[in-house]
Every structure is written in structure tokens, then in C-alpha cells.
Amino acid sequence: MKVFETTARADGPDRLVLDTPLSELPKGRVKVIVQTDDELALRPLPTVDFMKALGSAYRDFPDLPRCTTAELMLELRGSAE
């Protein structure tokens, strides 16, 4: 494994431009570690309230069957006979 250290600038959300080009181009994928002083990049990702999201499924999809998996399987097995 070879390690190269250089600086880069962001040129979009999925593109980094190296300030010092590499003399040897690595083949295939490479591992990139990004260090920044920007506080926005260090913010934790927002958490999702699972129970609230689960409750919204009933509001967003009111036609979903309101039964347990066991009840649904019994219904499906009964209709197969």
C-alpha cells in the first residue's frame, strides 16, 4: 500500500480537486480520508425518531392492512387451500 498526502478543494458535493497532482495514478479504488476545520462538516447527522416515523406510515398509507404478520399468514394460507 502506498500513502500520498496532499491537499484538495471541494469542487462539488462528490468531487475533490487535488492541489498537488499525483505523479503515479493508482489503479482501481483508493481510500480517502478528509480532514477539515469546517464546523459544518463535523456536525452529527440528524437522528430519526423511529416511533414517529412508524406512526406516520399509518397516516401516509391508510389502506395498509392493519393486522399482525401471523394473522396475515393465516389468511394467506387459508386462501391457498
C-alpha atoms as a PDB file:
ATOM      1  CA  MET A   1       0.000   0.000   0.000  1.00  0.00           C
ATOM      2  CA  LYS A   2       1.283   3.461  -0.908  1.00  0.00           C
ATOM      3  CA  VAL A   3       0.287   6.571   1.017  1.00  0.00           C
ATOM      4  CA  PHE A   4       0.153  10.001  -0.626  1.00  0.00           C
ATOM      5  CA  GLU A   5      -0.550  13.198   1.278  1.00  0.00           C
ATOM      6  CA  THR A   6      -1.811  16.279  -0.500  1.00  0.00           C
ATOM      7  CA  THR A   7      -4.433  18.961  -0.037  1.00  0.00           C
ATOM      8  CA  ALA A   8      -7.569  19.345  -2.097  1.00  0.00           C
ATOM      9  CA  ARG A   9     -10.509  21.662  -2.552  1.00  0.00           C
ATOM     10  CA  ALA A  10     -14.129  20.688  -2.893  1.00  0.00           C
ATOM     11  CA  ASP A  11     -15.424  21.190  -6.419  1.00  0.00           C
ATOM     12  CA  GLY A  12     -18.926  19.901  -5.706  1.00  0.00           C
ATOM     13  CA  PRO A  13     -20.569  17.514  -3.237  1.00  0.00           C
ATOM     14  CA  ASP A  14     -18.910  14.461  -4.786  1.00  0.00           C
ATOM     15  CA  ARG A  15     -15.720  15.859  -6.329  1.00  0.00           C
ATOM     16  CA  LEU A  16     -12.346  16.826  -4.845  1.00  0.00           C
ATOM     17  CA  VAL A  17      -9.628  18.534  -6.887  1.00  0.00           C
ATOM     18  CA  LEU A  18      -6.084  17.806  -5.675  1.00  0.00           C
ATOM     19  CA  ASP A  19      -3.843  20.842  -5.223  1.00  0.00           C
ATOM     20  CA  THR A  20      -0.799  18.702  -5.992  1.00  0.00           C
ATOM     21  CA  PRO A  21      -1.479  16.142  -8.719  1.00  0.00           C
ATOM     22  CA  LEU A  22      -0.257  12.606  -8.118  1.00  0.00           C
ATOM     23  CA  SER A  23       2.772  11.575 -10.126  1.00  0.00           C
ATOM     24  CA  GLU A  24       1.549   7.978 -10.241  1.00  0.00           C
ATOM     25  CA  LEU A  25      -2.102   7.233 -10.810  1.00  0.00           C
ATOM     26  CA  PRO A  26      -3.284   4.370  -8.611  1.00  0.00           C
ATOM     27  CA  LYS A  27      -5.222   1.574 -10.280  1.00  0.00           C
ATOM     28  CA  GLY A  28      -8.776   0.989  -9.102  1.00  0.00           C
ATOM     29  CA  ARG A  29     -10.335   2.469  -5.995  1.00  0.00           C
ATOM     30  CA  VAL A  30      -8.441   4.402  -3.336  1.00  0.00           C
ATOM     31  CA  LYS A  31      -9.174   5.235   0.285  1.00  0.00           C
ATOM     32  CA  VAL A  32      -9.722   8.931   1.028  1.00  0.00           C
ATOM     33  CA  ILE A  33      -9.611  10.499   4.497  1.00  0.00           C
ATOM     34  CA  VAL A  34     -10.963  14.052   4.703  1.00  0.00           C
ATOM     35  CA  GLN A  35      -9.796  16.414   7.443  1.00  0.00           C
ATOM     36  CA  THR A  36     -11.362  19.846   7.702  1.00  0.00           C
ATOM     37  CA  ASP A  37     -11.633  22.724  10.143  1.00  0.00           C
ATOM     38  CA  ASP A  38     -15.142  23.487   8.959  1.00  0.00           C
ATOM     39  CA  GLU A  39     -17.596  23.055  11.848  1.00  0.00           C
ATOM     40  CA  LEU A  40     -20.432  22.200   9.452  1.00  0.00           C
ATOM     41  CA  ALA A  41     -18.639  19.070   8.304  1.00  0.00           C
ATOM     42  CA  LEU A  42     -18.174  17.958  11.900  1.00  0.00           C
ATOM     43  CA  ARG A  43     -21.855  18.214  12.887  1.00  0.00           C
ATOM     44  CA  PRO A  44     -23.504  14.884  13.694  1.00  0.00           C
ATOM     45  CA  LEU A  45     -26.157  13.661  11.301  1.00  0.00           C
ATOM     46  CA  PRO A  46     -29.745  14.277  12.405  1.00  0.00           C
ATOM     47  CA  THR A  47     -31.358  11.366  14.189  1.00  0.00           C
ATOM     48  CA  VAL A  48     -34.687   9.915  13.144  1.00  0.00           C
ATOM     49  CA  ASP A  49     -37.456   9.365  15.670  1.00  0.00           C
ATOM     50  CA  PHE A  50     -38.338   5.777  14.751  1.00  0.00           C
ATOM     51  CA  MET A  51     -41.668   5.666  16.600  1.00  0.00           C
ATOM     52  CA  LYS A  52     -42.795   8.936  14.988  1.00  0.00           C
ATOM     53  CA  ALA A  53     -41.805   7.642  11.541  1.00  0.00           C
ATOM     54  CA  LEU A  54     -43.619   4.366  12.197  1.00  0.00           C
ATOM     55  CA  GLY A  55     -46.767   6.250  13.179  1.00  0.00           C
ATOM     56  CA  SER A  56     -46.595   8.311  10.003  1.00  0.00           C
ATOM     57  CA  ALA A  57     -46.770   5.105   7.944  1.00  0.00           C
ATOM     58  CA  TYR A  58     -50.376   4.662   9.047  1.00  0.00           C
ATOM     59  CA  ARG A  59     -51.154   8.282   8.119  1.00  0.00           C
ATOM     60  CA  ASP A  60     -49.288   8.167   4.803  1.00  0.00           C
ATOM     61  CA  PHE A  61     -50.633   4.751   3.763  1.00  0.00           C
ATOM     62  CA  PRO A  62     -54.120   4.402   5.276  1.00  0.00           C
ATOM     63  CA  ASP A  63     -55.021   1.426   3.058  1.00  0.00           C
ATOM     64  CA  LEU A  64     -52.356  -0.856   4.533  1.00  0.00           C
ATOM     65  CA  PRO A  65     -53.769  -3.967   6.201  1.00  0.00           C
ATOM     66  CA  ARG A  66     -53.974  -3.476   9.950  1.00  0.00           C
ATOM     67  CA  CYS A  67     -53.134  -6.942  11.144  1.00  0.00           C
ATOM     68  CA  THR A  68     -50.154  -8.785  12.514  1.00  0.00           C
ATOM     69  CA  THR A  69     -47.854 -10.867  10.369  1.00  0.00           C
ATOM     70  CA  ALA A  70     -49.244 -14.039  11.951  1.00  0.00           C
ATOM     71  CA  GLU A  71     -52.817 -13.011  11.093  1.00  0.00           C
ATOM     72  CA  LEU A  72     -51.803 -12.178   7.528  1.00  0.00           C
ATOM     73  CA  MET A  73     -50.004 -15.528   7.097  1.00  0.00           C
ATOM     74  CA  LEU A  74     -53.066 -17.410   8.405  1.00  0.00           C
ATOM     75  CA  GLU A  75     -55.229 -15.520   5.922  1.00  0.00           C
ATOM     76  CA  LEU A  76     -52.857 -16.255   3.032  1.00  0.00           C
ATOM     77  CA  ARG A  77     -52.524 -19.937   3.944  1.00  0.00           C
ATOM     78  CA  GLY A  78     -56.284 -20.239   4.235  1.00  0.00           C
ATOM     79  CA  SER A  79     -56.817 -18.775   0.779  1.00  0.00           C
ATOM     80  CA  ALA A  80     -54.297 -21.203  -0.750  1.00  0.00           C
ATOM     81  CA  GLU A  81     -56.333 -24.254   0.259  1.00  0.00           C
END
